[in-house]
Amino acid sequence: MLFQTPEFLIFFAVVLLAIAQLRRRRDQHLFLLLASYVFYGWWDVRFLVLILLSSIIDYAAALGIRGVRLS
């Protein structure tokens, strides 16, 4: 999905409306994360492994910086 396509405009509008309807900030963040995965995977599903792995590593690093143990 490219930024200048009608598919992106529809996707963006749906995501924007959905985020506006979600009340809790945590729900908004989770939905935006999932929408980002959909947008990234739209190009090629194989690349989802990369972004999922990156998300897990970044989350673990953030917890490490904060001083929280994963176990």
PDB file of N, CA and C in Angstrom:
ATOM      1  N   MET A   1       0.852  -1.167   0.000  1.00  0.00           N
ATOM      2  CA  MET A   1       0.000   0.000   0.000  1.00  0.00           C
ATOM      3  C   MET A   1       0.902   1.234   0.000  1.00  0.00           C
ATOM      4  N   LEU A   2       0.734   2.053  -0.978  1.00  0.00           N
ATOM      5  CA  LEU A   2       1.519   3.280  -1.086  1.00  0.00           C
ATOM      6  C   LEU A   2       0.699   4.457  -0.569  1.00  0.00           C
ATOM      7  N   PHE A   3       1.388   5.496  -0.132  1.00  0.00           N
ATOM      8  CA  PHE A   3       0.711   6.640   0.461  1.00  0.00           C
ATOM      9  C   PHE A   3      -0.218   7.369  -0.505  1.00  0.00           C
ATOM     10  N   GLN A   4       0.066   7.343  -1.790  1.00  0.00           N
ATOM     11  CA  GLN A   4      -0.722   8.098  -2.751  1.00  0.00           C
ATOM     12  C   GLN A   4      -1.858   7.287  -3.370  1.00  0.00           C
ATOM     13  N   THR A   5      -2.165   6.111  -2.824  1.00  0.00           N
ATOM     14  CA  THR A   5      -3.225   5.277  -3.383  1.00  0.00           C
ATOM     15  C   THR A   5      -4.539   5.474  -2.629  1.00  0.00           C
ATOM     16  N   PRO A   6      -5.657   5.198  -3.289  1.00  0.00           N
ATOM     17  CA  PRO A   6      -6.954   5.282  -2.608  1.00  0.00           C
ATOM     18  C   PRO A   6      -7.069   4.294  -1.444  1.00  0.00           C
ATOM     19  N   GLU A   7      -6.398   3.148  -1.547  1.00  0.00           N
ATOM     20  CA  GLU A   7      -6.427   2.170  -0.454  1.00  0.00           C
ATOM     21  C   GLU A   7      -5.863   2.757   0.831  1.00  0.00           C
ATOM     22  N   PHE A   8      -4.777   3.521   0.689  1.00  0.00           N
ATOM     23  CA  PHE A   8      -4.191   4.134   1.882  1.00  0.00           C
ATOM     24  C   PHE A   8      -5.136   5.166   2.475  1.00  0.00           C
ATOM     25  N   LEU A   9      -5.787   5.957   1.650  1.00  0.00           N
ATOM     26  CA  LEU A   9      -6.718   6.972   2.150  1.00  0.00           C
ATOM     27  C   LEU A   9      -7.856   6.320   2.940  1.00  0.00           C
ATOM     28  N   ILE A  10      -8.382   5.236   2.419  1.00  0.00           N
ATOM     29  CA  ILE A  10      -9.450   4.515   3.131  1.00  0.00           C
ATOM     30  C   ILE A  10      -8.912   3.911   4.424  1.00  0.00           C
ATOM     31  N   PHE A  11      -7.757   3.271   4.345  1.00  0.00           N
ATOM     32  CA  PHE A  11      -7.129   2.676   5.526  1.00  0.00           C
ATOM     33  C   PHE A  11      -6.882   3.738   6.593  1.00  0.00           C
ATOM     34  N   PHE A  12      -6.345   4.882   6.186  1.00  0.00           N
ATOM     35  CA  PHE A  12      -6.046   5.963   7.120  1.00  0.00           C
ATOM     36  C   PHE A  12      -7.313   6.488   7.773  1.00  0.00           C
ATOM     37  N   ALA A  13      -8.369   6.658   6.983  1.00  0.00           N
ATOM     38  CA  ALA A  13      -9.640   7.155   7.526  1.00  0.00           C
ATOM     39  C   ALA A  13     -10.224   6.171   8.539  1.00  0.00           C
ATOM     40  N   VAL A  14     -10.178   4.889   8.222  1.00  0.00           N
ATOM     41  CA  VAL A  14     -10.704   3.876   9.139  1.00  0.00           C
ATOM     42  C   VAL A  14      -9.907   3.863  10.437  1.00  0.00           C
ATOM     43  N   VAL A  15      -8.595   3.914  10.330  1.00  0.00           N
ATOM     44  CA  VAL A  15      -7.747   3.909  11.523  1.00  0.00           C
ATOM     45  C   VAL A  15      -7.995   5.162  12.363  1.00  0.00           C
ATOM     46  N   LEU A  16      -8.084   6.303  11.716  1.00  0.00           N
ATOM     47  CA  LEU A  16      -8.318   7.552  12.432  1.00  0.00           C
ATOM     48  C   LEU A  16      -9.655   7.535  13.162  1.00  0.00           C
ATOM     49  N   LEU A  17     -10.693   7.063  12.510  1.00  0.00           N
ATOM     50  CA  LEU A  17     -12.014   6.975  13.142  1.00  0.00           C
ATOM     51  C   LEU A  17     -12.021   5.970  14.294  1.00  0.00           C
ATOM     52  N   ALA A  18     -11.351   4.854  14.107  1.00  0.00           N
ATOM     53  CA  ALA A  18     -11.311   3.838  15.158  1.00  0.00           C
ATOM     54  C   ALA A  18     -10.570   4.350  16.394  1.00  0.00           C
ATOM     55  N   ILE A  19      -9.481   5.044  16.180  1.00  0.00           N
ATOM     56  CA  ILE A  19      -8.729   5.580  17.314  1.00  0.00           C
ATOM     57  C   ILE A  19      -9.557   6.636  18.051  1.00  0.00           C
ATOM     58  N   ALA A  20     -10.313   7.424  17.304  1.00  0.00           N
ATOM     59  CA  ALA A  20     -11.165   8.442  17.933  1.00  0.00           C
ATOM     60  C   ALA A  20     -12.265   7.804  18.775  1.00  0.00           C
ATOM     61  N   GLN A  21     -12.706   6.609  18.392  1.00  0.00           N
ATOM     62  CA  GLN A  21     -13.771   5.930  19.127  1.00  0.00           C
ATOM     63  C   GLN A  21     -13.267   5.219  20.382  1.00  0.00           C
ATOM     64  N   LEU A  22     -12.011   4.855  20.385  1.00  0.00           N
ATOM     65  CA  LEU A  22     -11.449   4.171  21.553  1.00  0.00           C
ATOM     66  C   LEU A  22     -11.180   5.180  22.654  1.00  0.00           C
ATOM     67  N   ARG A  23     -11.657   4.887  23.827  1.00  0.00           N
ATOM     68  CA  ARG A  23     -11.557   5.845  24.939  1.00  0.00           C
ATOM     69  C   ARG A  23     -10.242   5.744  25.696  1.00  0.00           C
ATOM     70  N   ARG A  24      -9.823   4.515  25.982  1.00  0.00           N
ATOM     71  CA  ARG A  24      -8.615   4.344  26.793  1.00  0.00           C
ATOM     72  C   ARG A  24      -7.373   4.471  25.934  1.00  0.00           C
ATOM     73  N   ARG A  25      -6.387   5.151  26.474  1.00  0.00           N
ATOM     74  CA  ARG A  25      -5.139   5.381  25.748  1.00  0.00           C
ATOM     75  C   ARG A  25      -4.434   4.075  25.407  1.00  0.00           C
ATOM     76  N   ARG A  26      -4.495   3.119  26.307  1.00  0.00           N
ATOM     77  CA  ARG A  26      -3.851   1.824  26.058  1.00  0.00           C
ATOM     78  C   ARG A  26      -4.495   1.123  24.864  1.00  0.00           C
ATOM     79  N   ASP A  27      -5.822   1.184  24.770  1.00  0.00           N
ATOM     80  CA  ASP A  27      -6.521   0.581  23.630  1.00  0.00           C
ATOM     81  C   ASP A  27      -6.137   1.279  22.332  1.00  0.00           C
ATOM     82  N   GLN A  28      -5.992   2.594  22.379  1.00  0.00           N
ATOM     83  CA  GLN A  28      -5.589   3.349  21.193  1.00  0.00           C
ATOM     84  C   GLN A  28      -4.198   2.930  20.725  1.00  0.00           C
ATOM     85  N   HIS A  29      -3.292   2.781  21.676  1.00  0.00           N
ATOM     86  CA  HIS A  29      -1.920   2.396  21.334  1.00  0.00           C
ATOM     87  C   HIS A  29      -1.873   0.987  20.747  1.00  0.00           C
ATOM     88  N   LEU A  30      -2.626   0.069  21.345  1.00  0.00           N
ATOM     89  CA  LEU A  30      -2.650  -1.301  20.844  1.00  0.00           C
ATOM     90  C   LEU A  30      -3.245  -1.350  19.440  1.00  0.00           C
ATOM     91  N   PHE A  31      -4.332  -0.617  19.210  1.00  0.00           N
ATOM     92  CA  PHE A  31      -4.942  -0.596  17.886  1.00  0.00           C
ATOM     93  C   PHE A  31      -3.997   0.017  16.863  1.00  0.00           C
ATOM     94  N   LEU A  32      -3.311   1.086  17.231  1.00  0.00           N
ATOM     95  CA  LEU A  32      -2.368   1.718  16.315  1.00  0.00           C
ATOM     96  C   LEU A  32      -1.200   0.784  15.986  1.00  0.00           C
ATOM     97  N   LEU A  33      -0.758   0.016  16.964  1.00  0.00           N
ATOM     98  CA  LEU A  33       0.290  -0.970  16.721  1.00  0.00           C
ATOM     99  C   LEU A  33      -0.180  -2.033  15.732  1.00  0.00           C
ATOM    100  N   LEU A  34      -1.384  -2.547  15.940  1.00  0.00           N
ATOM    101  CA  LEU A  34      -1.918  -3.560  15.031  1.00  0.00           C
ATOM    102  C   LEU A  34      -2.146  -2.984  13.634  1.00  0.00           C
ATOM    103  N   ALA A  35      -2.626  -1.747  13.561  1.00  0.00           N
ATOM    104  CA  ALA A  35      -2.813  -1.105  12.255  1.00  0.00           C
ATOM    105  C   ALA A  35      -1.469  -0.911  11.557  1.00  0.00           C
ATOM    106  N   SER A  36      -0.437  -0.627  12.322  1.00  0.00           N
ATOM    107  CA  SER A  36       0.897  -0.486  11.742  1.00  0.00           C
ATOM    108  C   SER A  36       1.379  -1.805  11.156  1.00  0.00           C
ATOM    109  N   TYR A  37       1.103  -2.904  11.860  1.00  0.00           N
ATOM    110  CA  TYR A  37       1.464  -4.219  11.341  1.00  0.00           C
ATOM    111  C   TYR A  37       0.716  -4.520  10.045  1.00  0.00           C
ATOM    112  N   VAL A  38      -0.556  -4.166   9.994  1.00  0.00           N
ATOM    113  CA  VAL A  38      -1.335  -4.380   8.767  1.00  0.00           C
ATOM    114  C   VAL A  38      -0.749  -3.557   7.629  1.00  0.00           C
ATOM    115  N   PHE A  39      -0.450  -2.299   7.898  1.00  0.00           N
ATOM    116  CA  PHE A  39       0.122  -1.428   6.868  1.00  0.00           C
ATOM    117  C   PHE A  39       1.466  -1.966   6.378  1.00  0.00           C
ATOM    118  N   TYR A  40       2.305  -2.392   7.301  1.00  0.00           N
ATOM    119  CA  TYR A  40       3.623  -2.905   6.944  1.00  0.00           C
ATOM    120  C   TYR A  40       3.503  -4.215   6.182  1.00  0.00           C
ATOM    121  N   GLY A  41       2.581  -5.083   6.613  1.00  0.00           N
ATOM    122  CA  GLY A  41       2.410  -6.373   5.977  1.00  0.00           C
ATOM    123  C   GLY A  41       1.697  -6.304   4.637  1.00  0.00           C
ATOM    124  N   TRP A  42       1.045  -5.184   4.360  1.00  0.00           N
ATOM    125  CA  TRP A  42       0.335  -5.027   3.092  1.00  0.00           C
ATOM    126  C   TRP A  42       1.303  -5.134   1.915  1.00  0.00           C
ATOM    127  N   TRP A  43       2.511  -4.640   2.099  1.00  0.00           N
ATOM    128  CA  TRP A  43       3.508  -4.669   1.026  1.00  0.00           C
ATOM    129  C   TRP A  43       3.935  -6.102   0.753  1.00  0.00           C
ATOM    130  N   ASP A  44       4.338  -6.798   1.810  1.00  0.00           N
ATOM    131  CA  ASP A  44       4.747  -8.192   1.675  1.00  0.00           C
ATOM    132  C   ASP A  44       4.645  -8.849   3.052  1.00  0.00           C
ATOM    133  N   VAL A  45       3.848  -9.900   3.132  1.00  0.00           N
ATOM    134  CA  VAL A  45       3.577 -10.549   4.410  1.00  0.00           C
ATOM    135  C   VAL A  45       4.852 -11.098   5.049  1.00  0.00           C
ATOM    136  N   ARG A  46       5.811 -11.471   4.224  1.00  0.00           N
ATOM    137  CA  ARG A  46       7.054 -12.020   4.771  1.00  0.00           C
ATOM    138  C   ARG A  46       7.789 -11.028   5.662  1.00  0.00           C
ATOM    139  N   PHE A  47       7.606  -9.743   5.422  1.00  0.00           N
ATOM    140  CA  PHE A  47       8.307  -8.731   6.214  1.00  0.00           C
ATOM    141  C   PHE A  47       7.713  -8.548   7.612  1.00  0.00           C
ATOM    142  N   LEU A  48       6.550  -9.122   7.861  1.00  0.00           N
ATOM    143  CA  LEU A  48       5.956  -9.012   9.192  1.00  0.00           C
ATOM    144  C   LEU A  48       6.838  -9.646  10.255  1.00  0.00           C
ATOM    145  N   VAL A  49       7.562 -10.681   9.884  1.00  0.00           N
ATOM    146  CA  VAL A  49       8.469 -11.315  10.839  1.00  0.00           C
ATOM    147  C   VAL A  49       9.506 -10.297  11.321  1.00  0.00           C
ATOM    148  N   LEU A  50      10.007  -9.481  10.415  1.00  0.00           N
ATOM    149  CA  LEU A  50      11.001  -8.469  10.784  1.00  0.00           C
ATOM    150  C   LEU A  50      10.448  -7.451  11.768  1.00  0.00           C
ATOM    151  N   ILE A  51       9.262  -6.938  11.494  1.00  0.00           N
ATOM    152  CA  ILE A  51       8.719  -5.906  12.370  1.00  0.00           C
ATOM    153  C   ILE A  51       8.272  -6.502  13.712  1.00  0.00           C
ATOM    154  N   LEU A  52       7.781  -7.730  13.708  1.00  0.00           N
ATOM    155  CA  LEU A  52       7.420  -8.375  14.971  1.00  0.00           C
ATOM    156  C   LEU A  52       8.660  -8.630  15.824  1.00  0.00           C
ATOM    157  N   LEU A  53       9.716  -9.110  15.196  1.00  0.00           N
ATOM    158  CA  LEU A  53      10.965  -9.334  15.917  1.00  0.00           C
ATOM    159  C   LEU A  53      11.520  -8.018  16.456  1.00  0.00           C
ATOM    160  N   SER A  54      11.474  -6.990  15.646  1.00  0.00           N
ATOM    161  CA  SER A  54      11.941  -5.677  16.089  1.00  0.00           C
ATOM    162  C   SER A  54      11.108  -5.156  17.259  1.00  0.00           C
ATOM    163  N   SER A  55       9.801  -5.361  17.207  1.00  0.00           N
ATOM    164  CA  SER A  55       8.921  -4.917  18.301  1.00  0.00           C
ATOM    165  C   SER A  55       9.250  -5.636  19.605  1.00  0.00           C
ATOM    166  N   ILE A  56       9.484  -6.935  19.516  1.00  0.00           N
ATOM    167  CA  ILE A  56       9.793  -7.715  20.716  1.00  0.00           C
ATOM    168  C   ILE A  56      11.130  -7.284  21.312  1.00  0.00           C
ATOM    169  N   ILE A  57      12.132  -7.104  20.469  1.00  0.00           N
ATOM    170  CA  ILE A  57      13.448  -6.674  20.949  1.00  0.00           C
ATOM    171  C   ILE A  57      13.376  -5.280  21.560  1.00  0.00           C
ATOM    172  N   ASP A  58      12.676  -4.361  20.900  1.00  0.00           N
ATOM    173  CA  ASP A  58      12.558  -2.997  21.416  1.00  0.00           C
ATOM    174  C   ASP A  58      11.801  -2.963  22.747  1.00  0.00           C
ATOM    175  N   TYR A  59      10.753  -3.775  22.848  1.00  0.00           N
ATOM    176  CA  TYR A  59       9.981  -3.829  24.092  1.00  0.00           C
ATOM    177  C   TYR A  59      10.834  -4.378  25.232  1.00  0.00           C
ATOM    178  N   ALA A  60      11.576  -5.438  24.951  1.00  0.00           N
ATOM    179  CA  ALA A  60      12.455  -6.019  25.972  1.00  0.00           C
ATOM    180  C   ALA A  60      13.543  -5.026  26.378  1.00  0.00           C
ATOM    181  N   ALA A  61      14.083  -4.297  25.420  1.00  0.00           N
ATOM    182  CA  ALA A  61      15.098  -3.280  25.734  1.00  0.00           C
ATOM    183  C   ALA A  61      14.517  -2.175  26.607  1.00  0.00           C
ATOM    184  N   ALA A  62      13.303  -1.759  26.297  1.00  0.00           N
ATOM    185  CA  ALA A  62      12.663  -0.699  27.090  1.00  0.00           C
ATOM    186  C   ALA A  62      12.415  -1.175  28.524  1.00  0.00           C
ATOM    187  N   LEU A  63      11.997  -2.429  28.656  1.00  0.00           N
ATOM    188  CA  LEU A  63      11.825  -2.971  30.002  1.00  0.00           C
ATOM    189  C   LEU A  63      13.155  -3.060  30.733  1.00  0.00           C
ATOM    190  N   GLY A  64      14.216  -3.429  30.015  1.00  0.00           N
ATOM    191  CA  GLY A  64      15.542  -3.482  30.618  1.00  0.00           C
ATOM    192  C   GLY A  64      16.031  -2.120  31.078  1.00  0.00           C
ATOM    193  N   ILE A  65      15.774  -1.119  30.288  1.00  0.00           N
ATOM    194  CA  ILE A  65      16.158   0.251  30.669  1.00  0.00           C
ATOM    195  C   ILE A  65      15.377   0.701  31.894  1.00  0.00           C
ATOM    196  N   ARG A  66      14.128   0.299  31.938  1.00  0.00           N
ATOM    197  CA  ARG A  66      13.275   0.688  33.066  1.00  0.00           C
ATOM    198  C   ARG A  66      13.631  -0.108  34.323  1.00  0.00           C
ATOM    199  N   GLY A  67      14.246  -1.283  34.140  1.00  0.00           N
ATOM    200  CA  GLY A  67      14.645  -2.094  35.284  1.00  0.00           C
ATOM    201  C   GLY A  67      13.651  -3.163  35.643  1.00  0.00           C
ATOM    202  N   VAL A  68      12.803  -3.556  34.702  1.00  0.00           N
ATOM    203  CA  VAL A  68      11.799  -4.603  34.945  1.00  0.00           C
ATOM    204  C   VAL A  68      12.313  -5.905  34.356  1.00  0.00           C
ATOM    205  N   ARG A  69      12.170  -6.975  35.113  1.00  0.00           N
ATOM    206  CA  ARG A  69      12.605  -8.286  34.623  1.00  0.00           C
ATOM    207  C   ARG A  69      11.475  -8.935  33.837  1.00  0.00           C
ATOM    208  N   LEU A  70      11.856  -9.695  32.777  1.00  0.00           N
ATOM    209  CA  LEU A  70      10.865 -10.364  31.948  1.00  0.00           C
ATOM    210  C   LEU A  70      10.316 -11.622  32.613  1.00  0.00           C
ATOM    211  N   SER A  71      11.063 -12.248  33.507  1.00  0.00           N
ATOM    212  CA  SER A  71      10.602 -13.501  34.115  1.00  0.00           C
ATOM    213  C   SER A  71       9.893 -13.276  35.423  1.00  0.00           C
TER     214      SER A  71
END
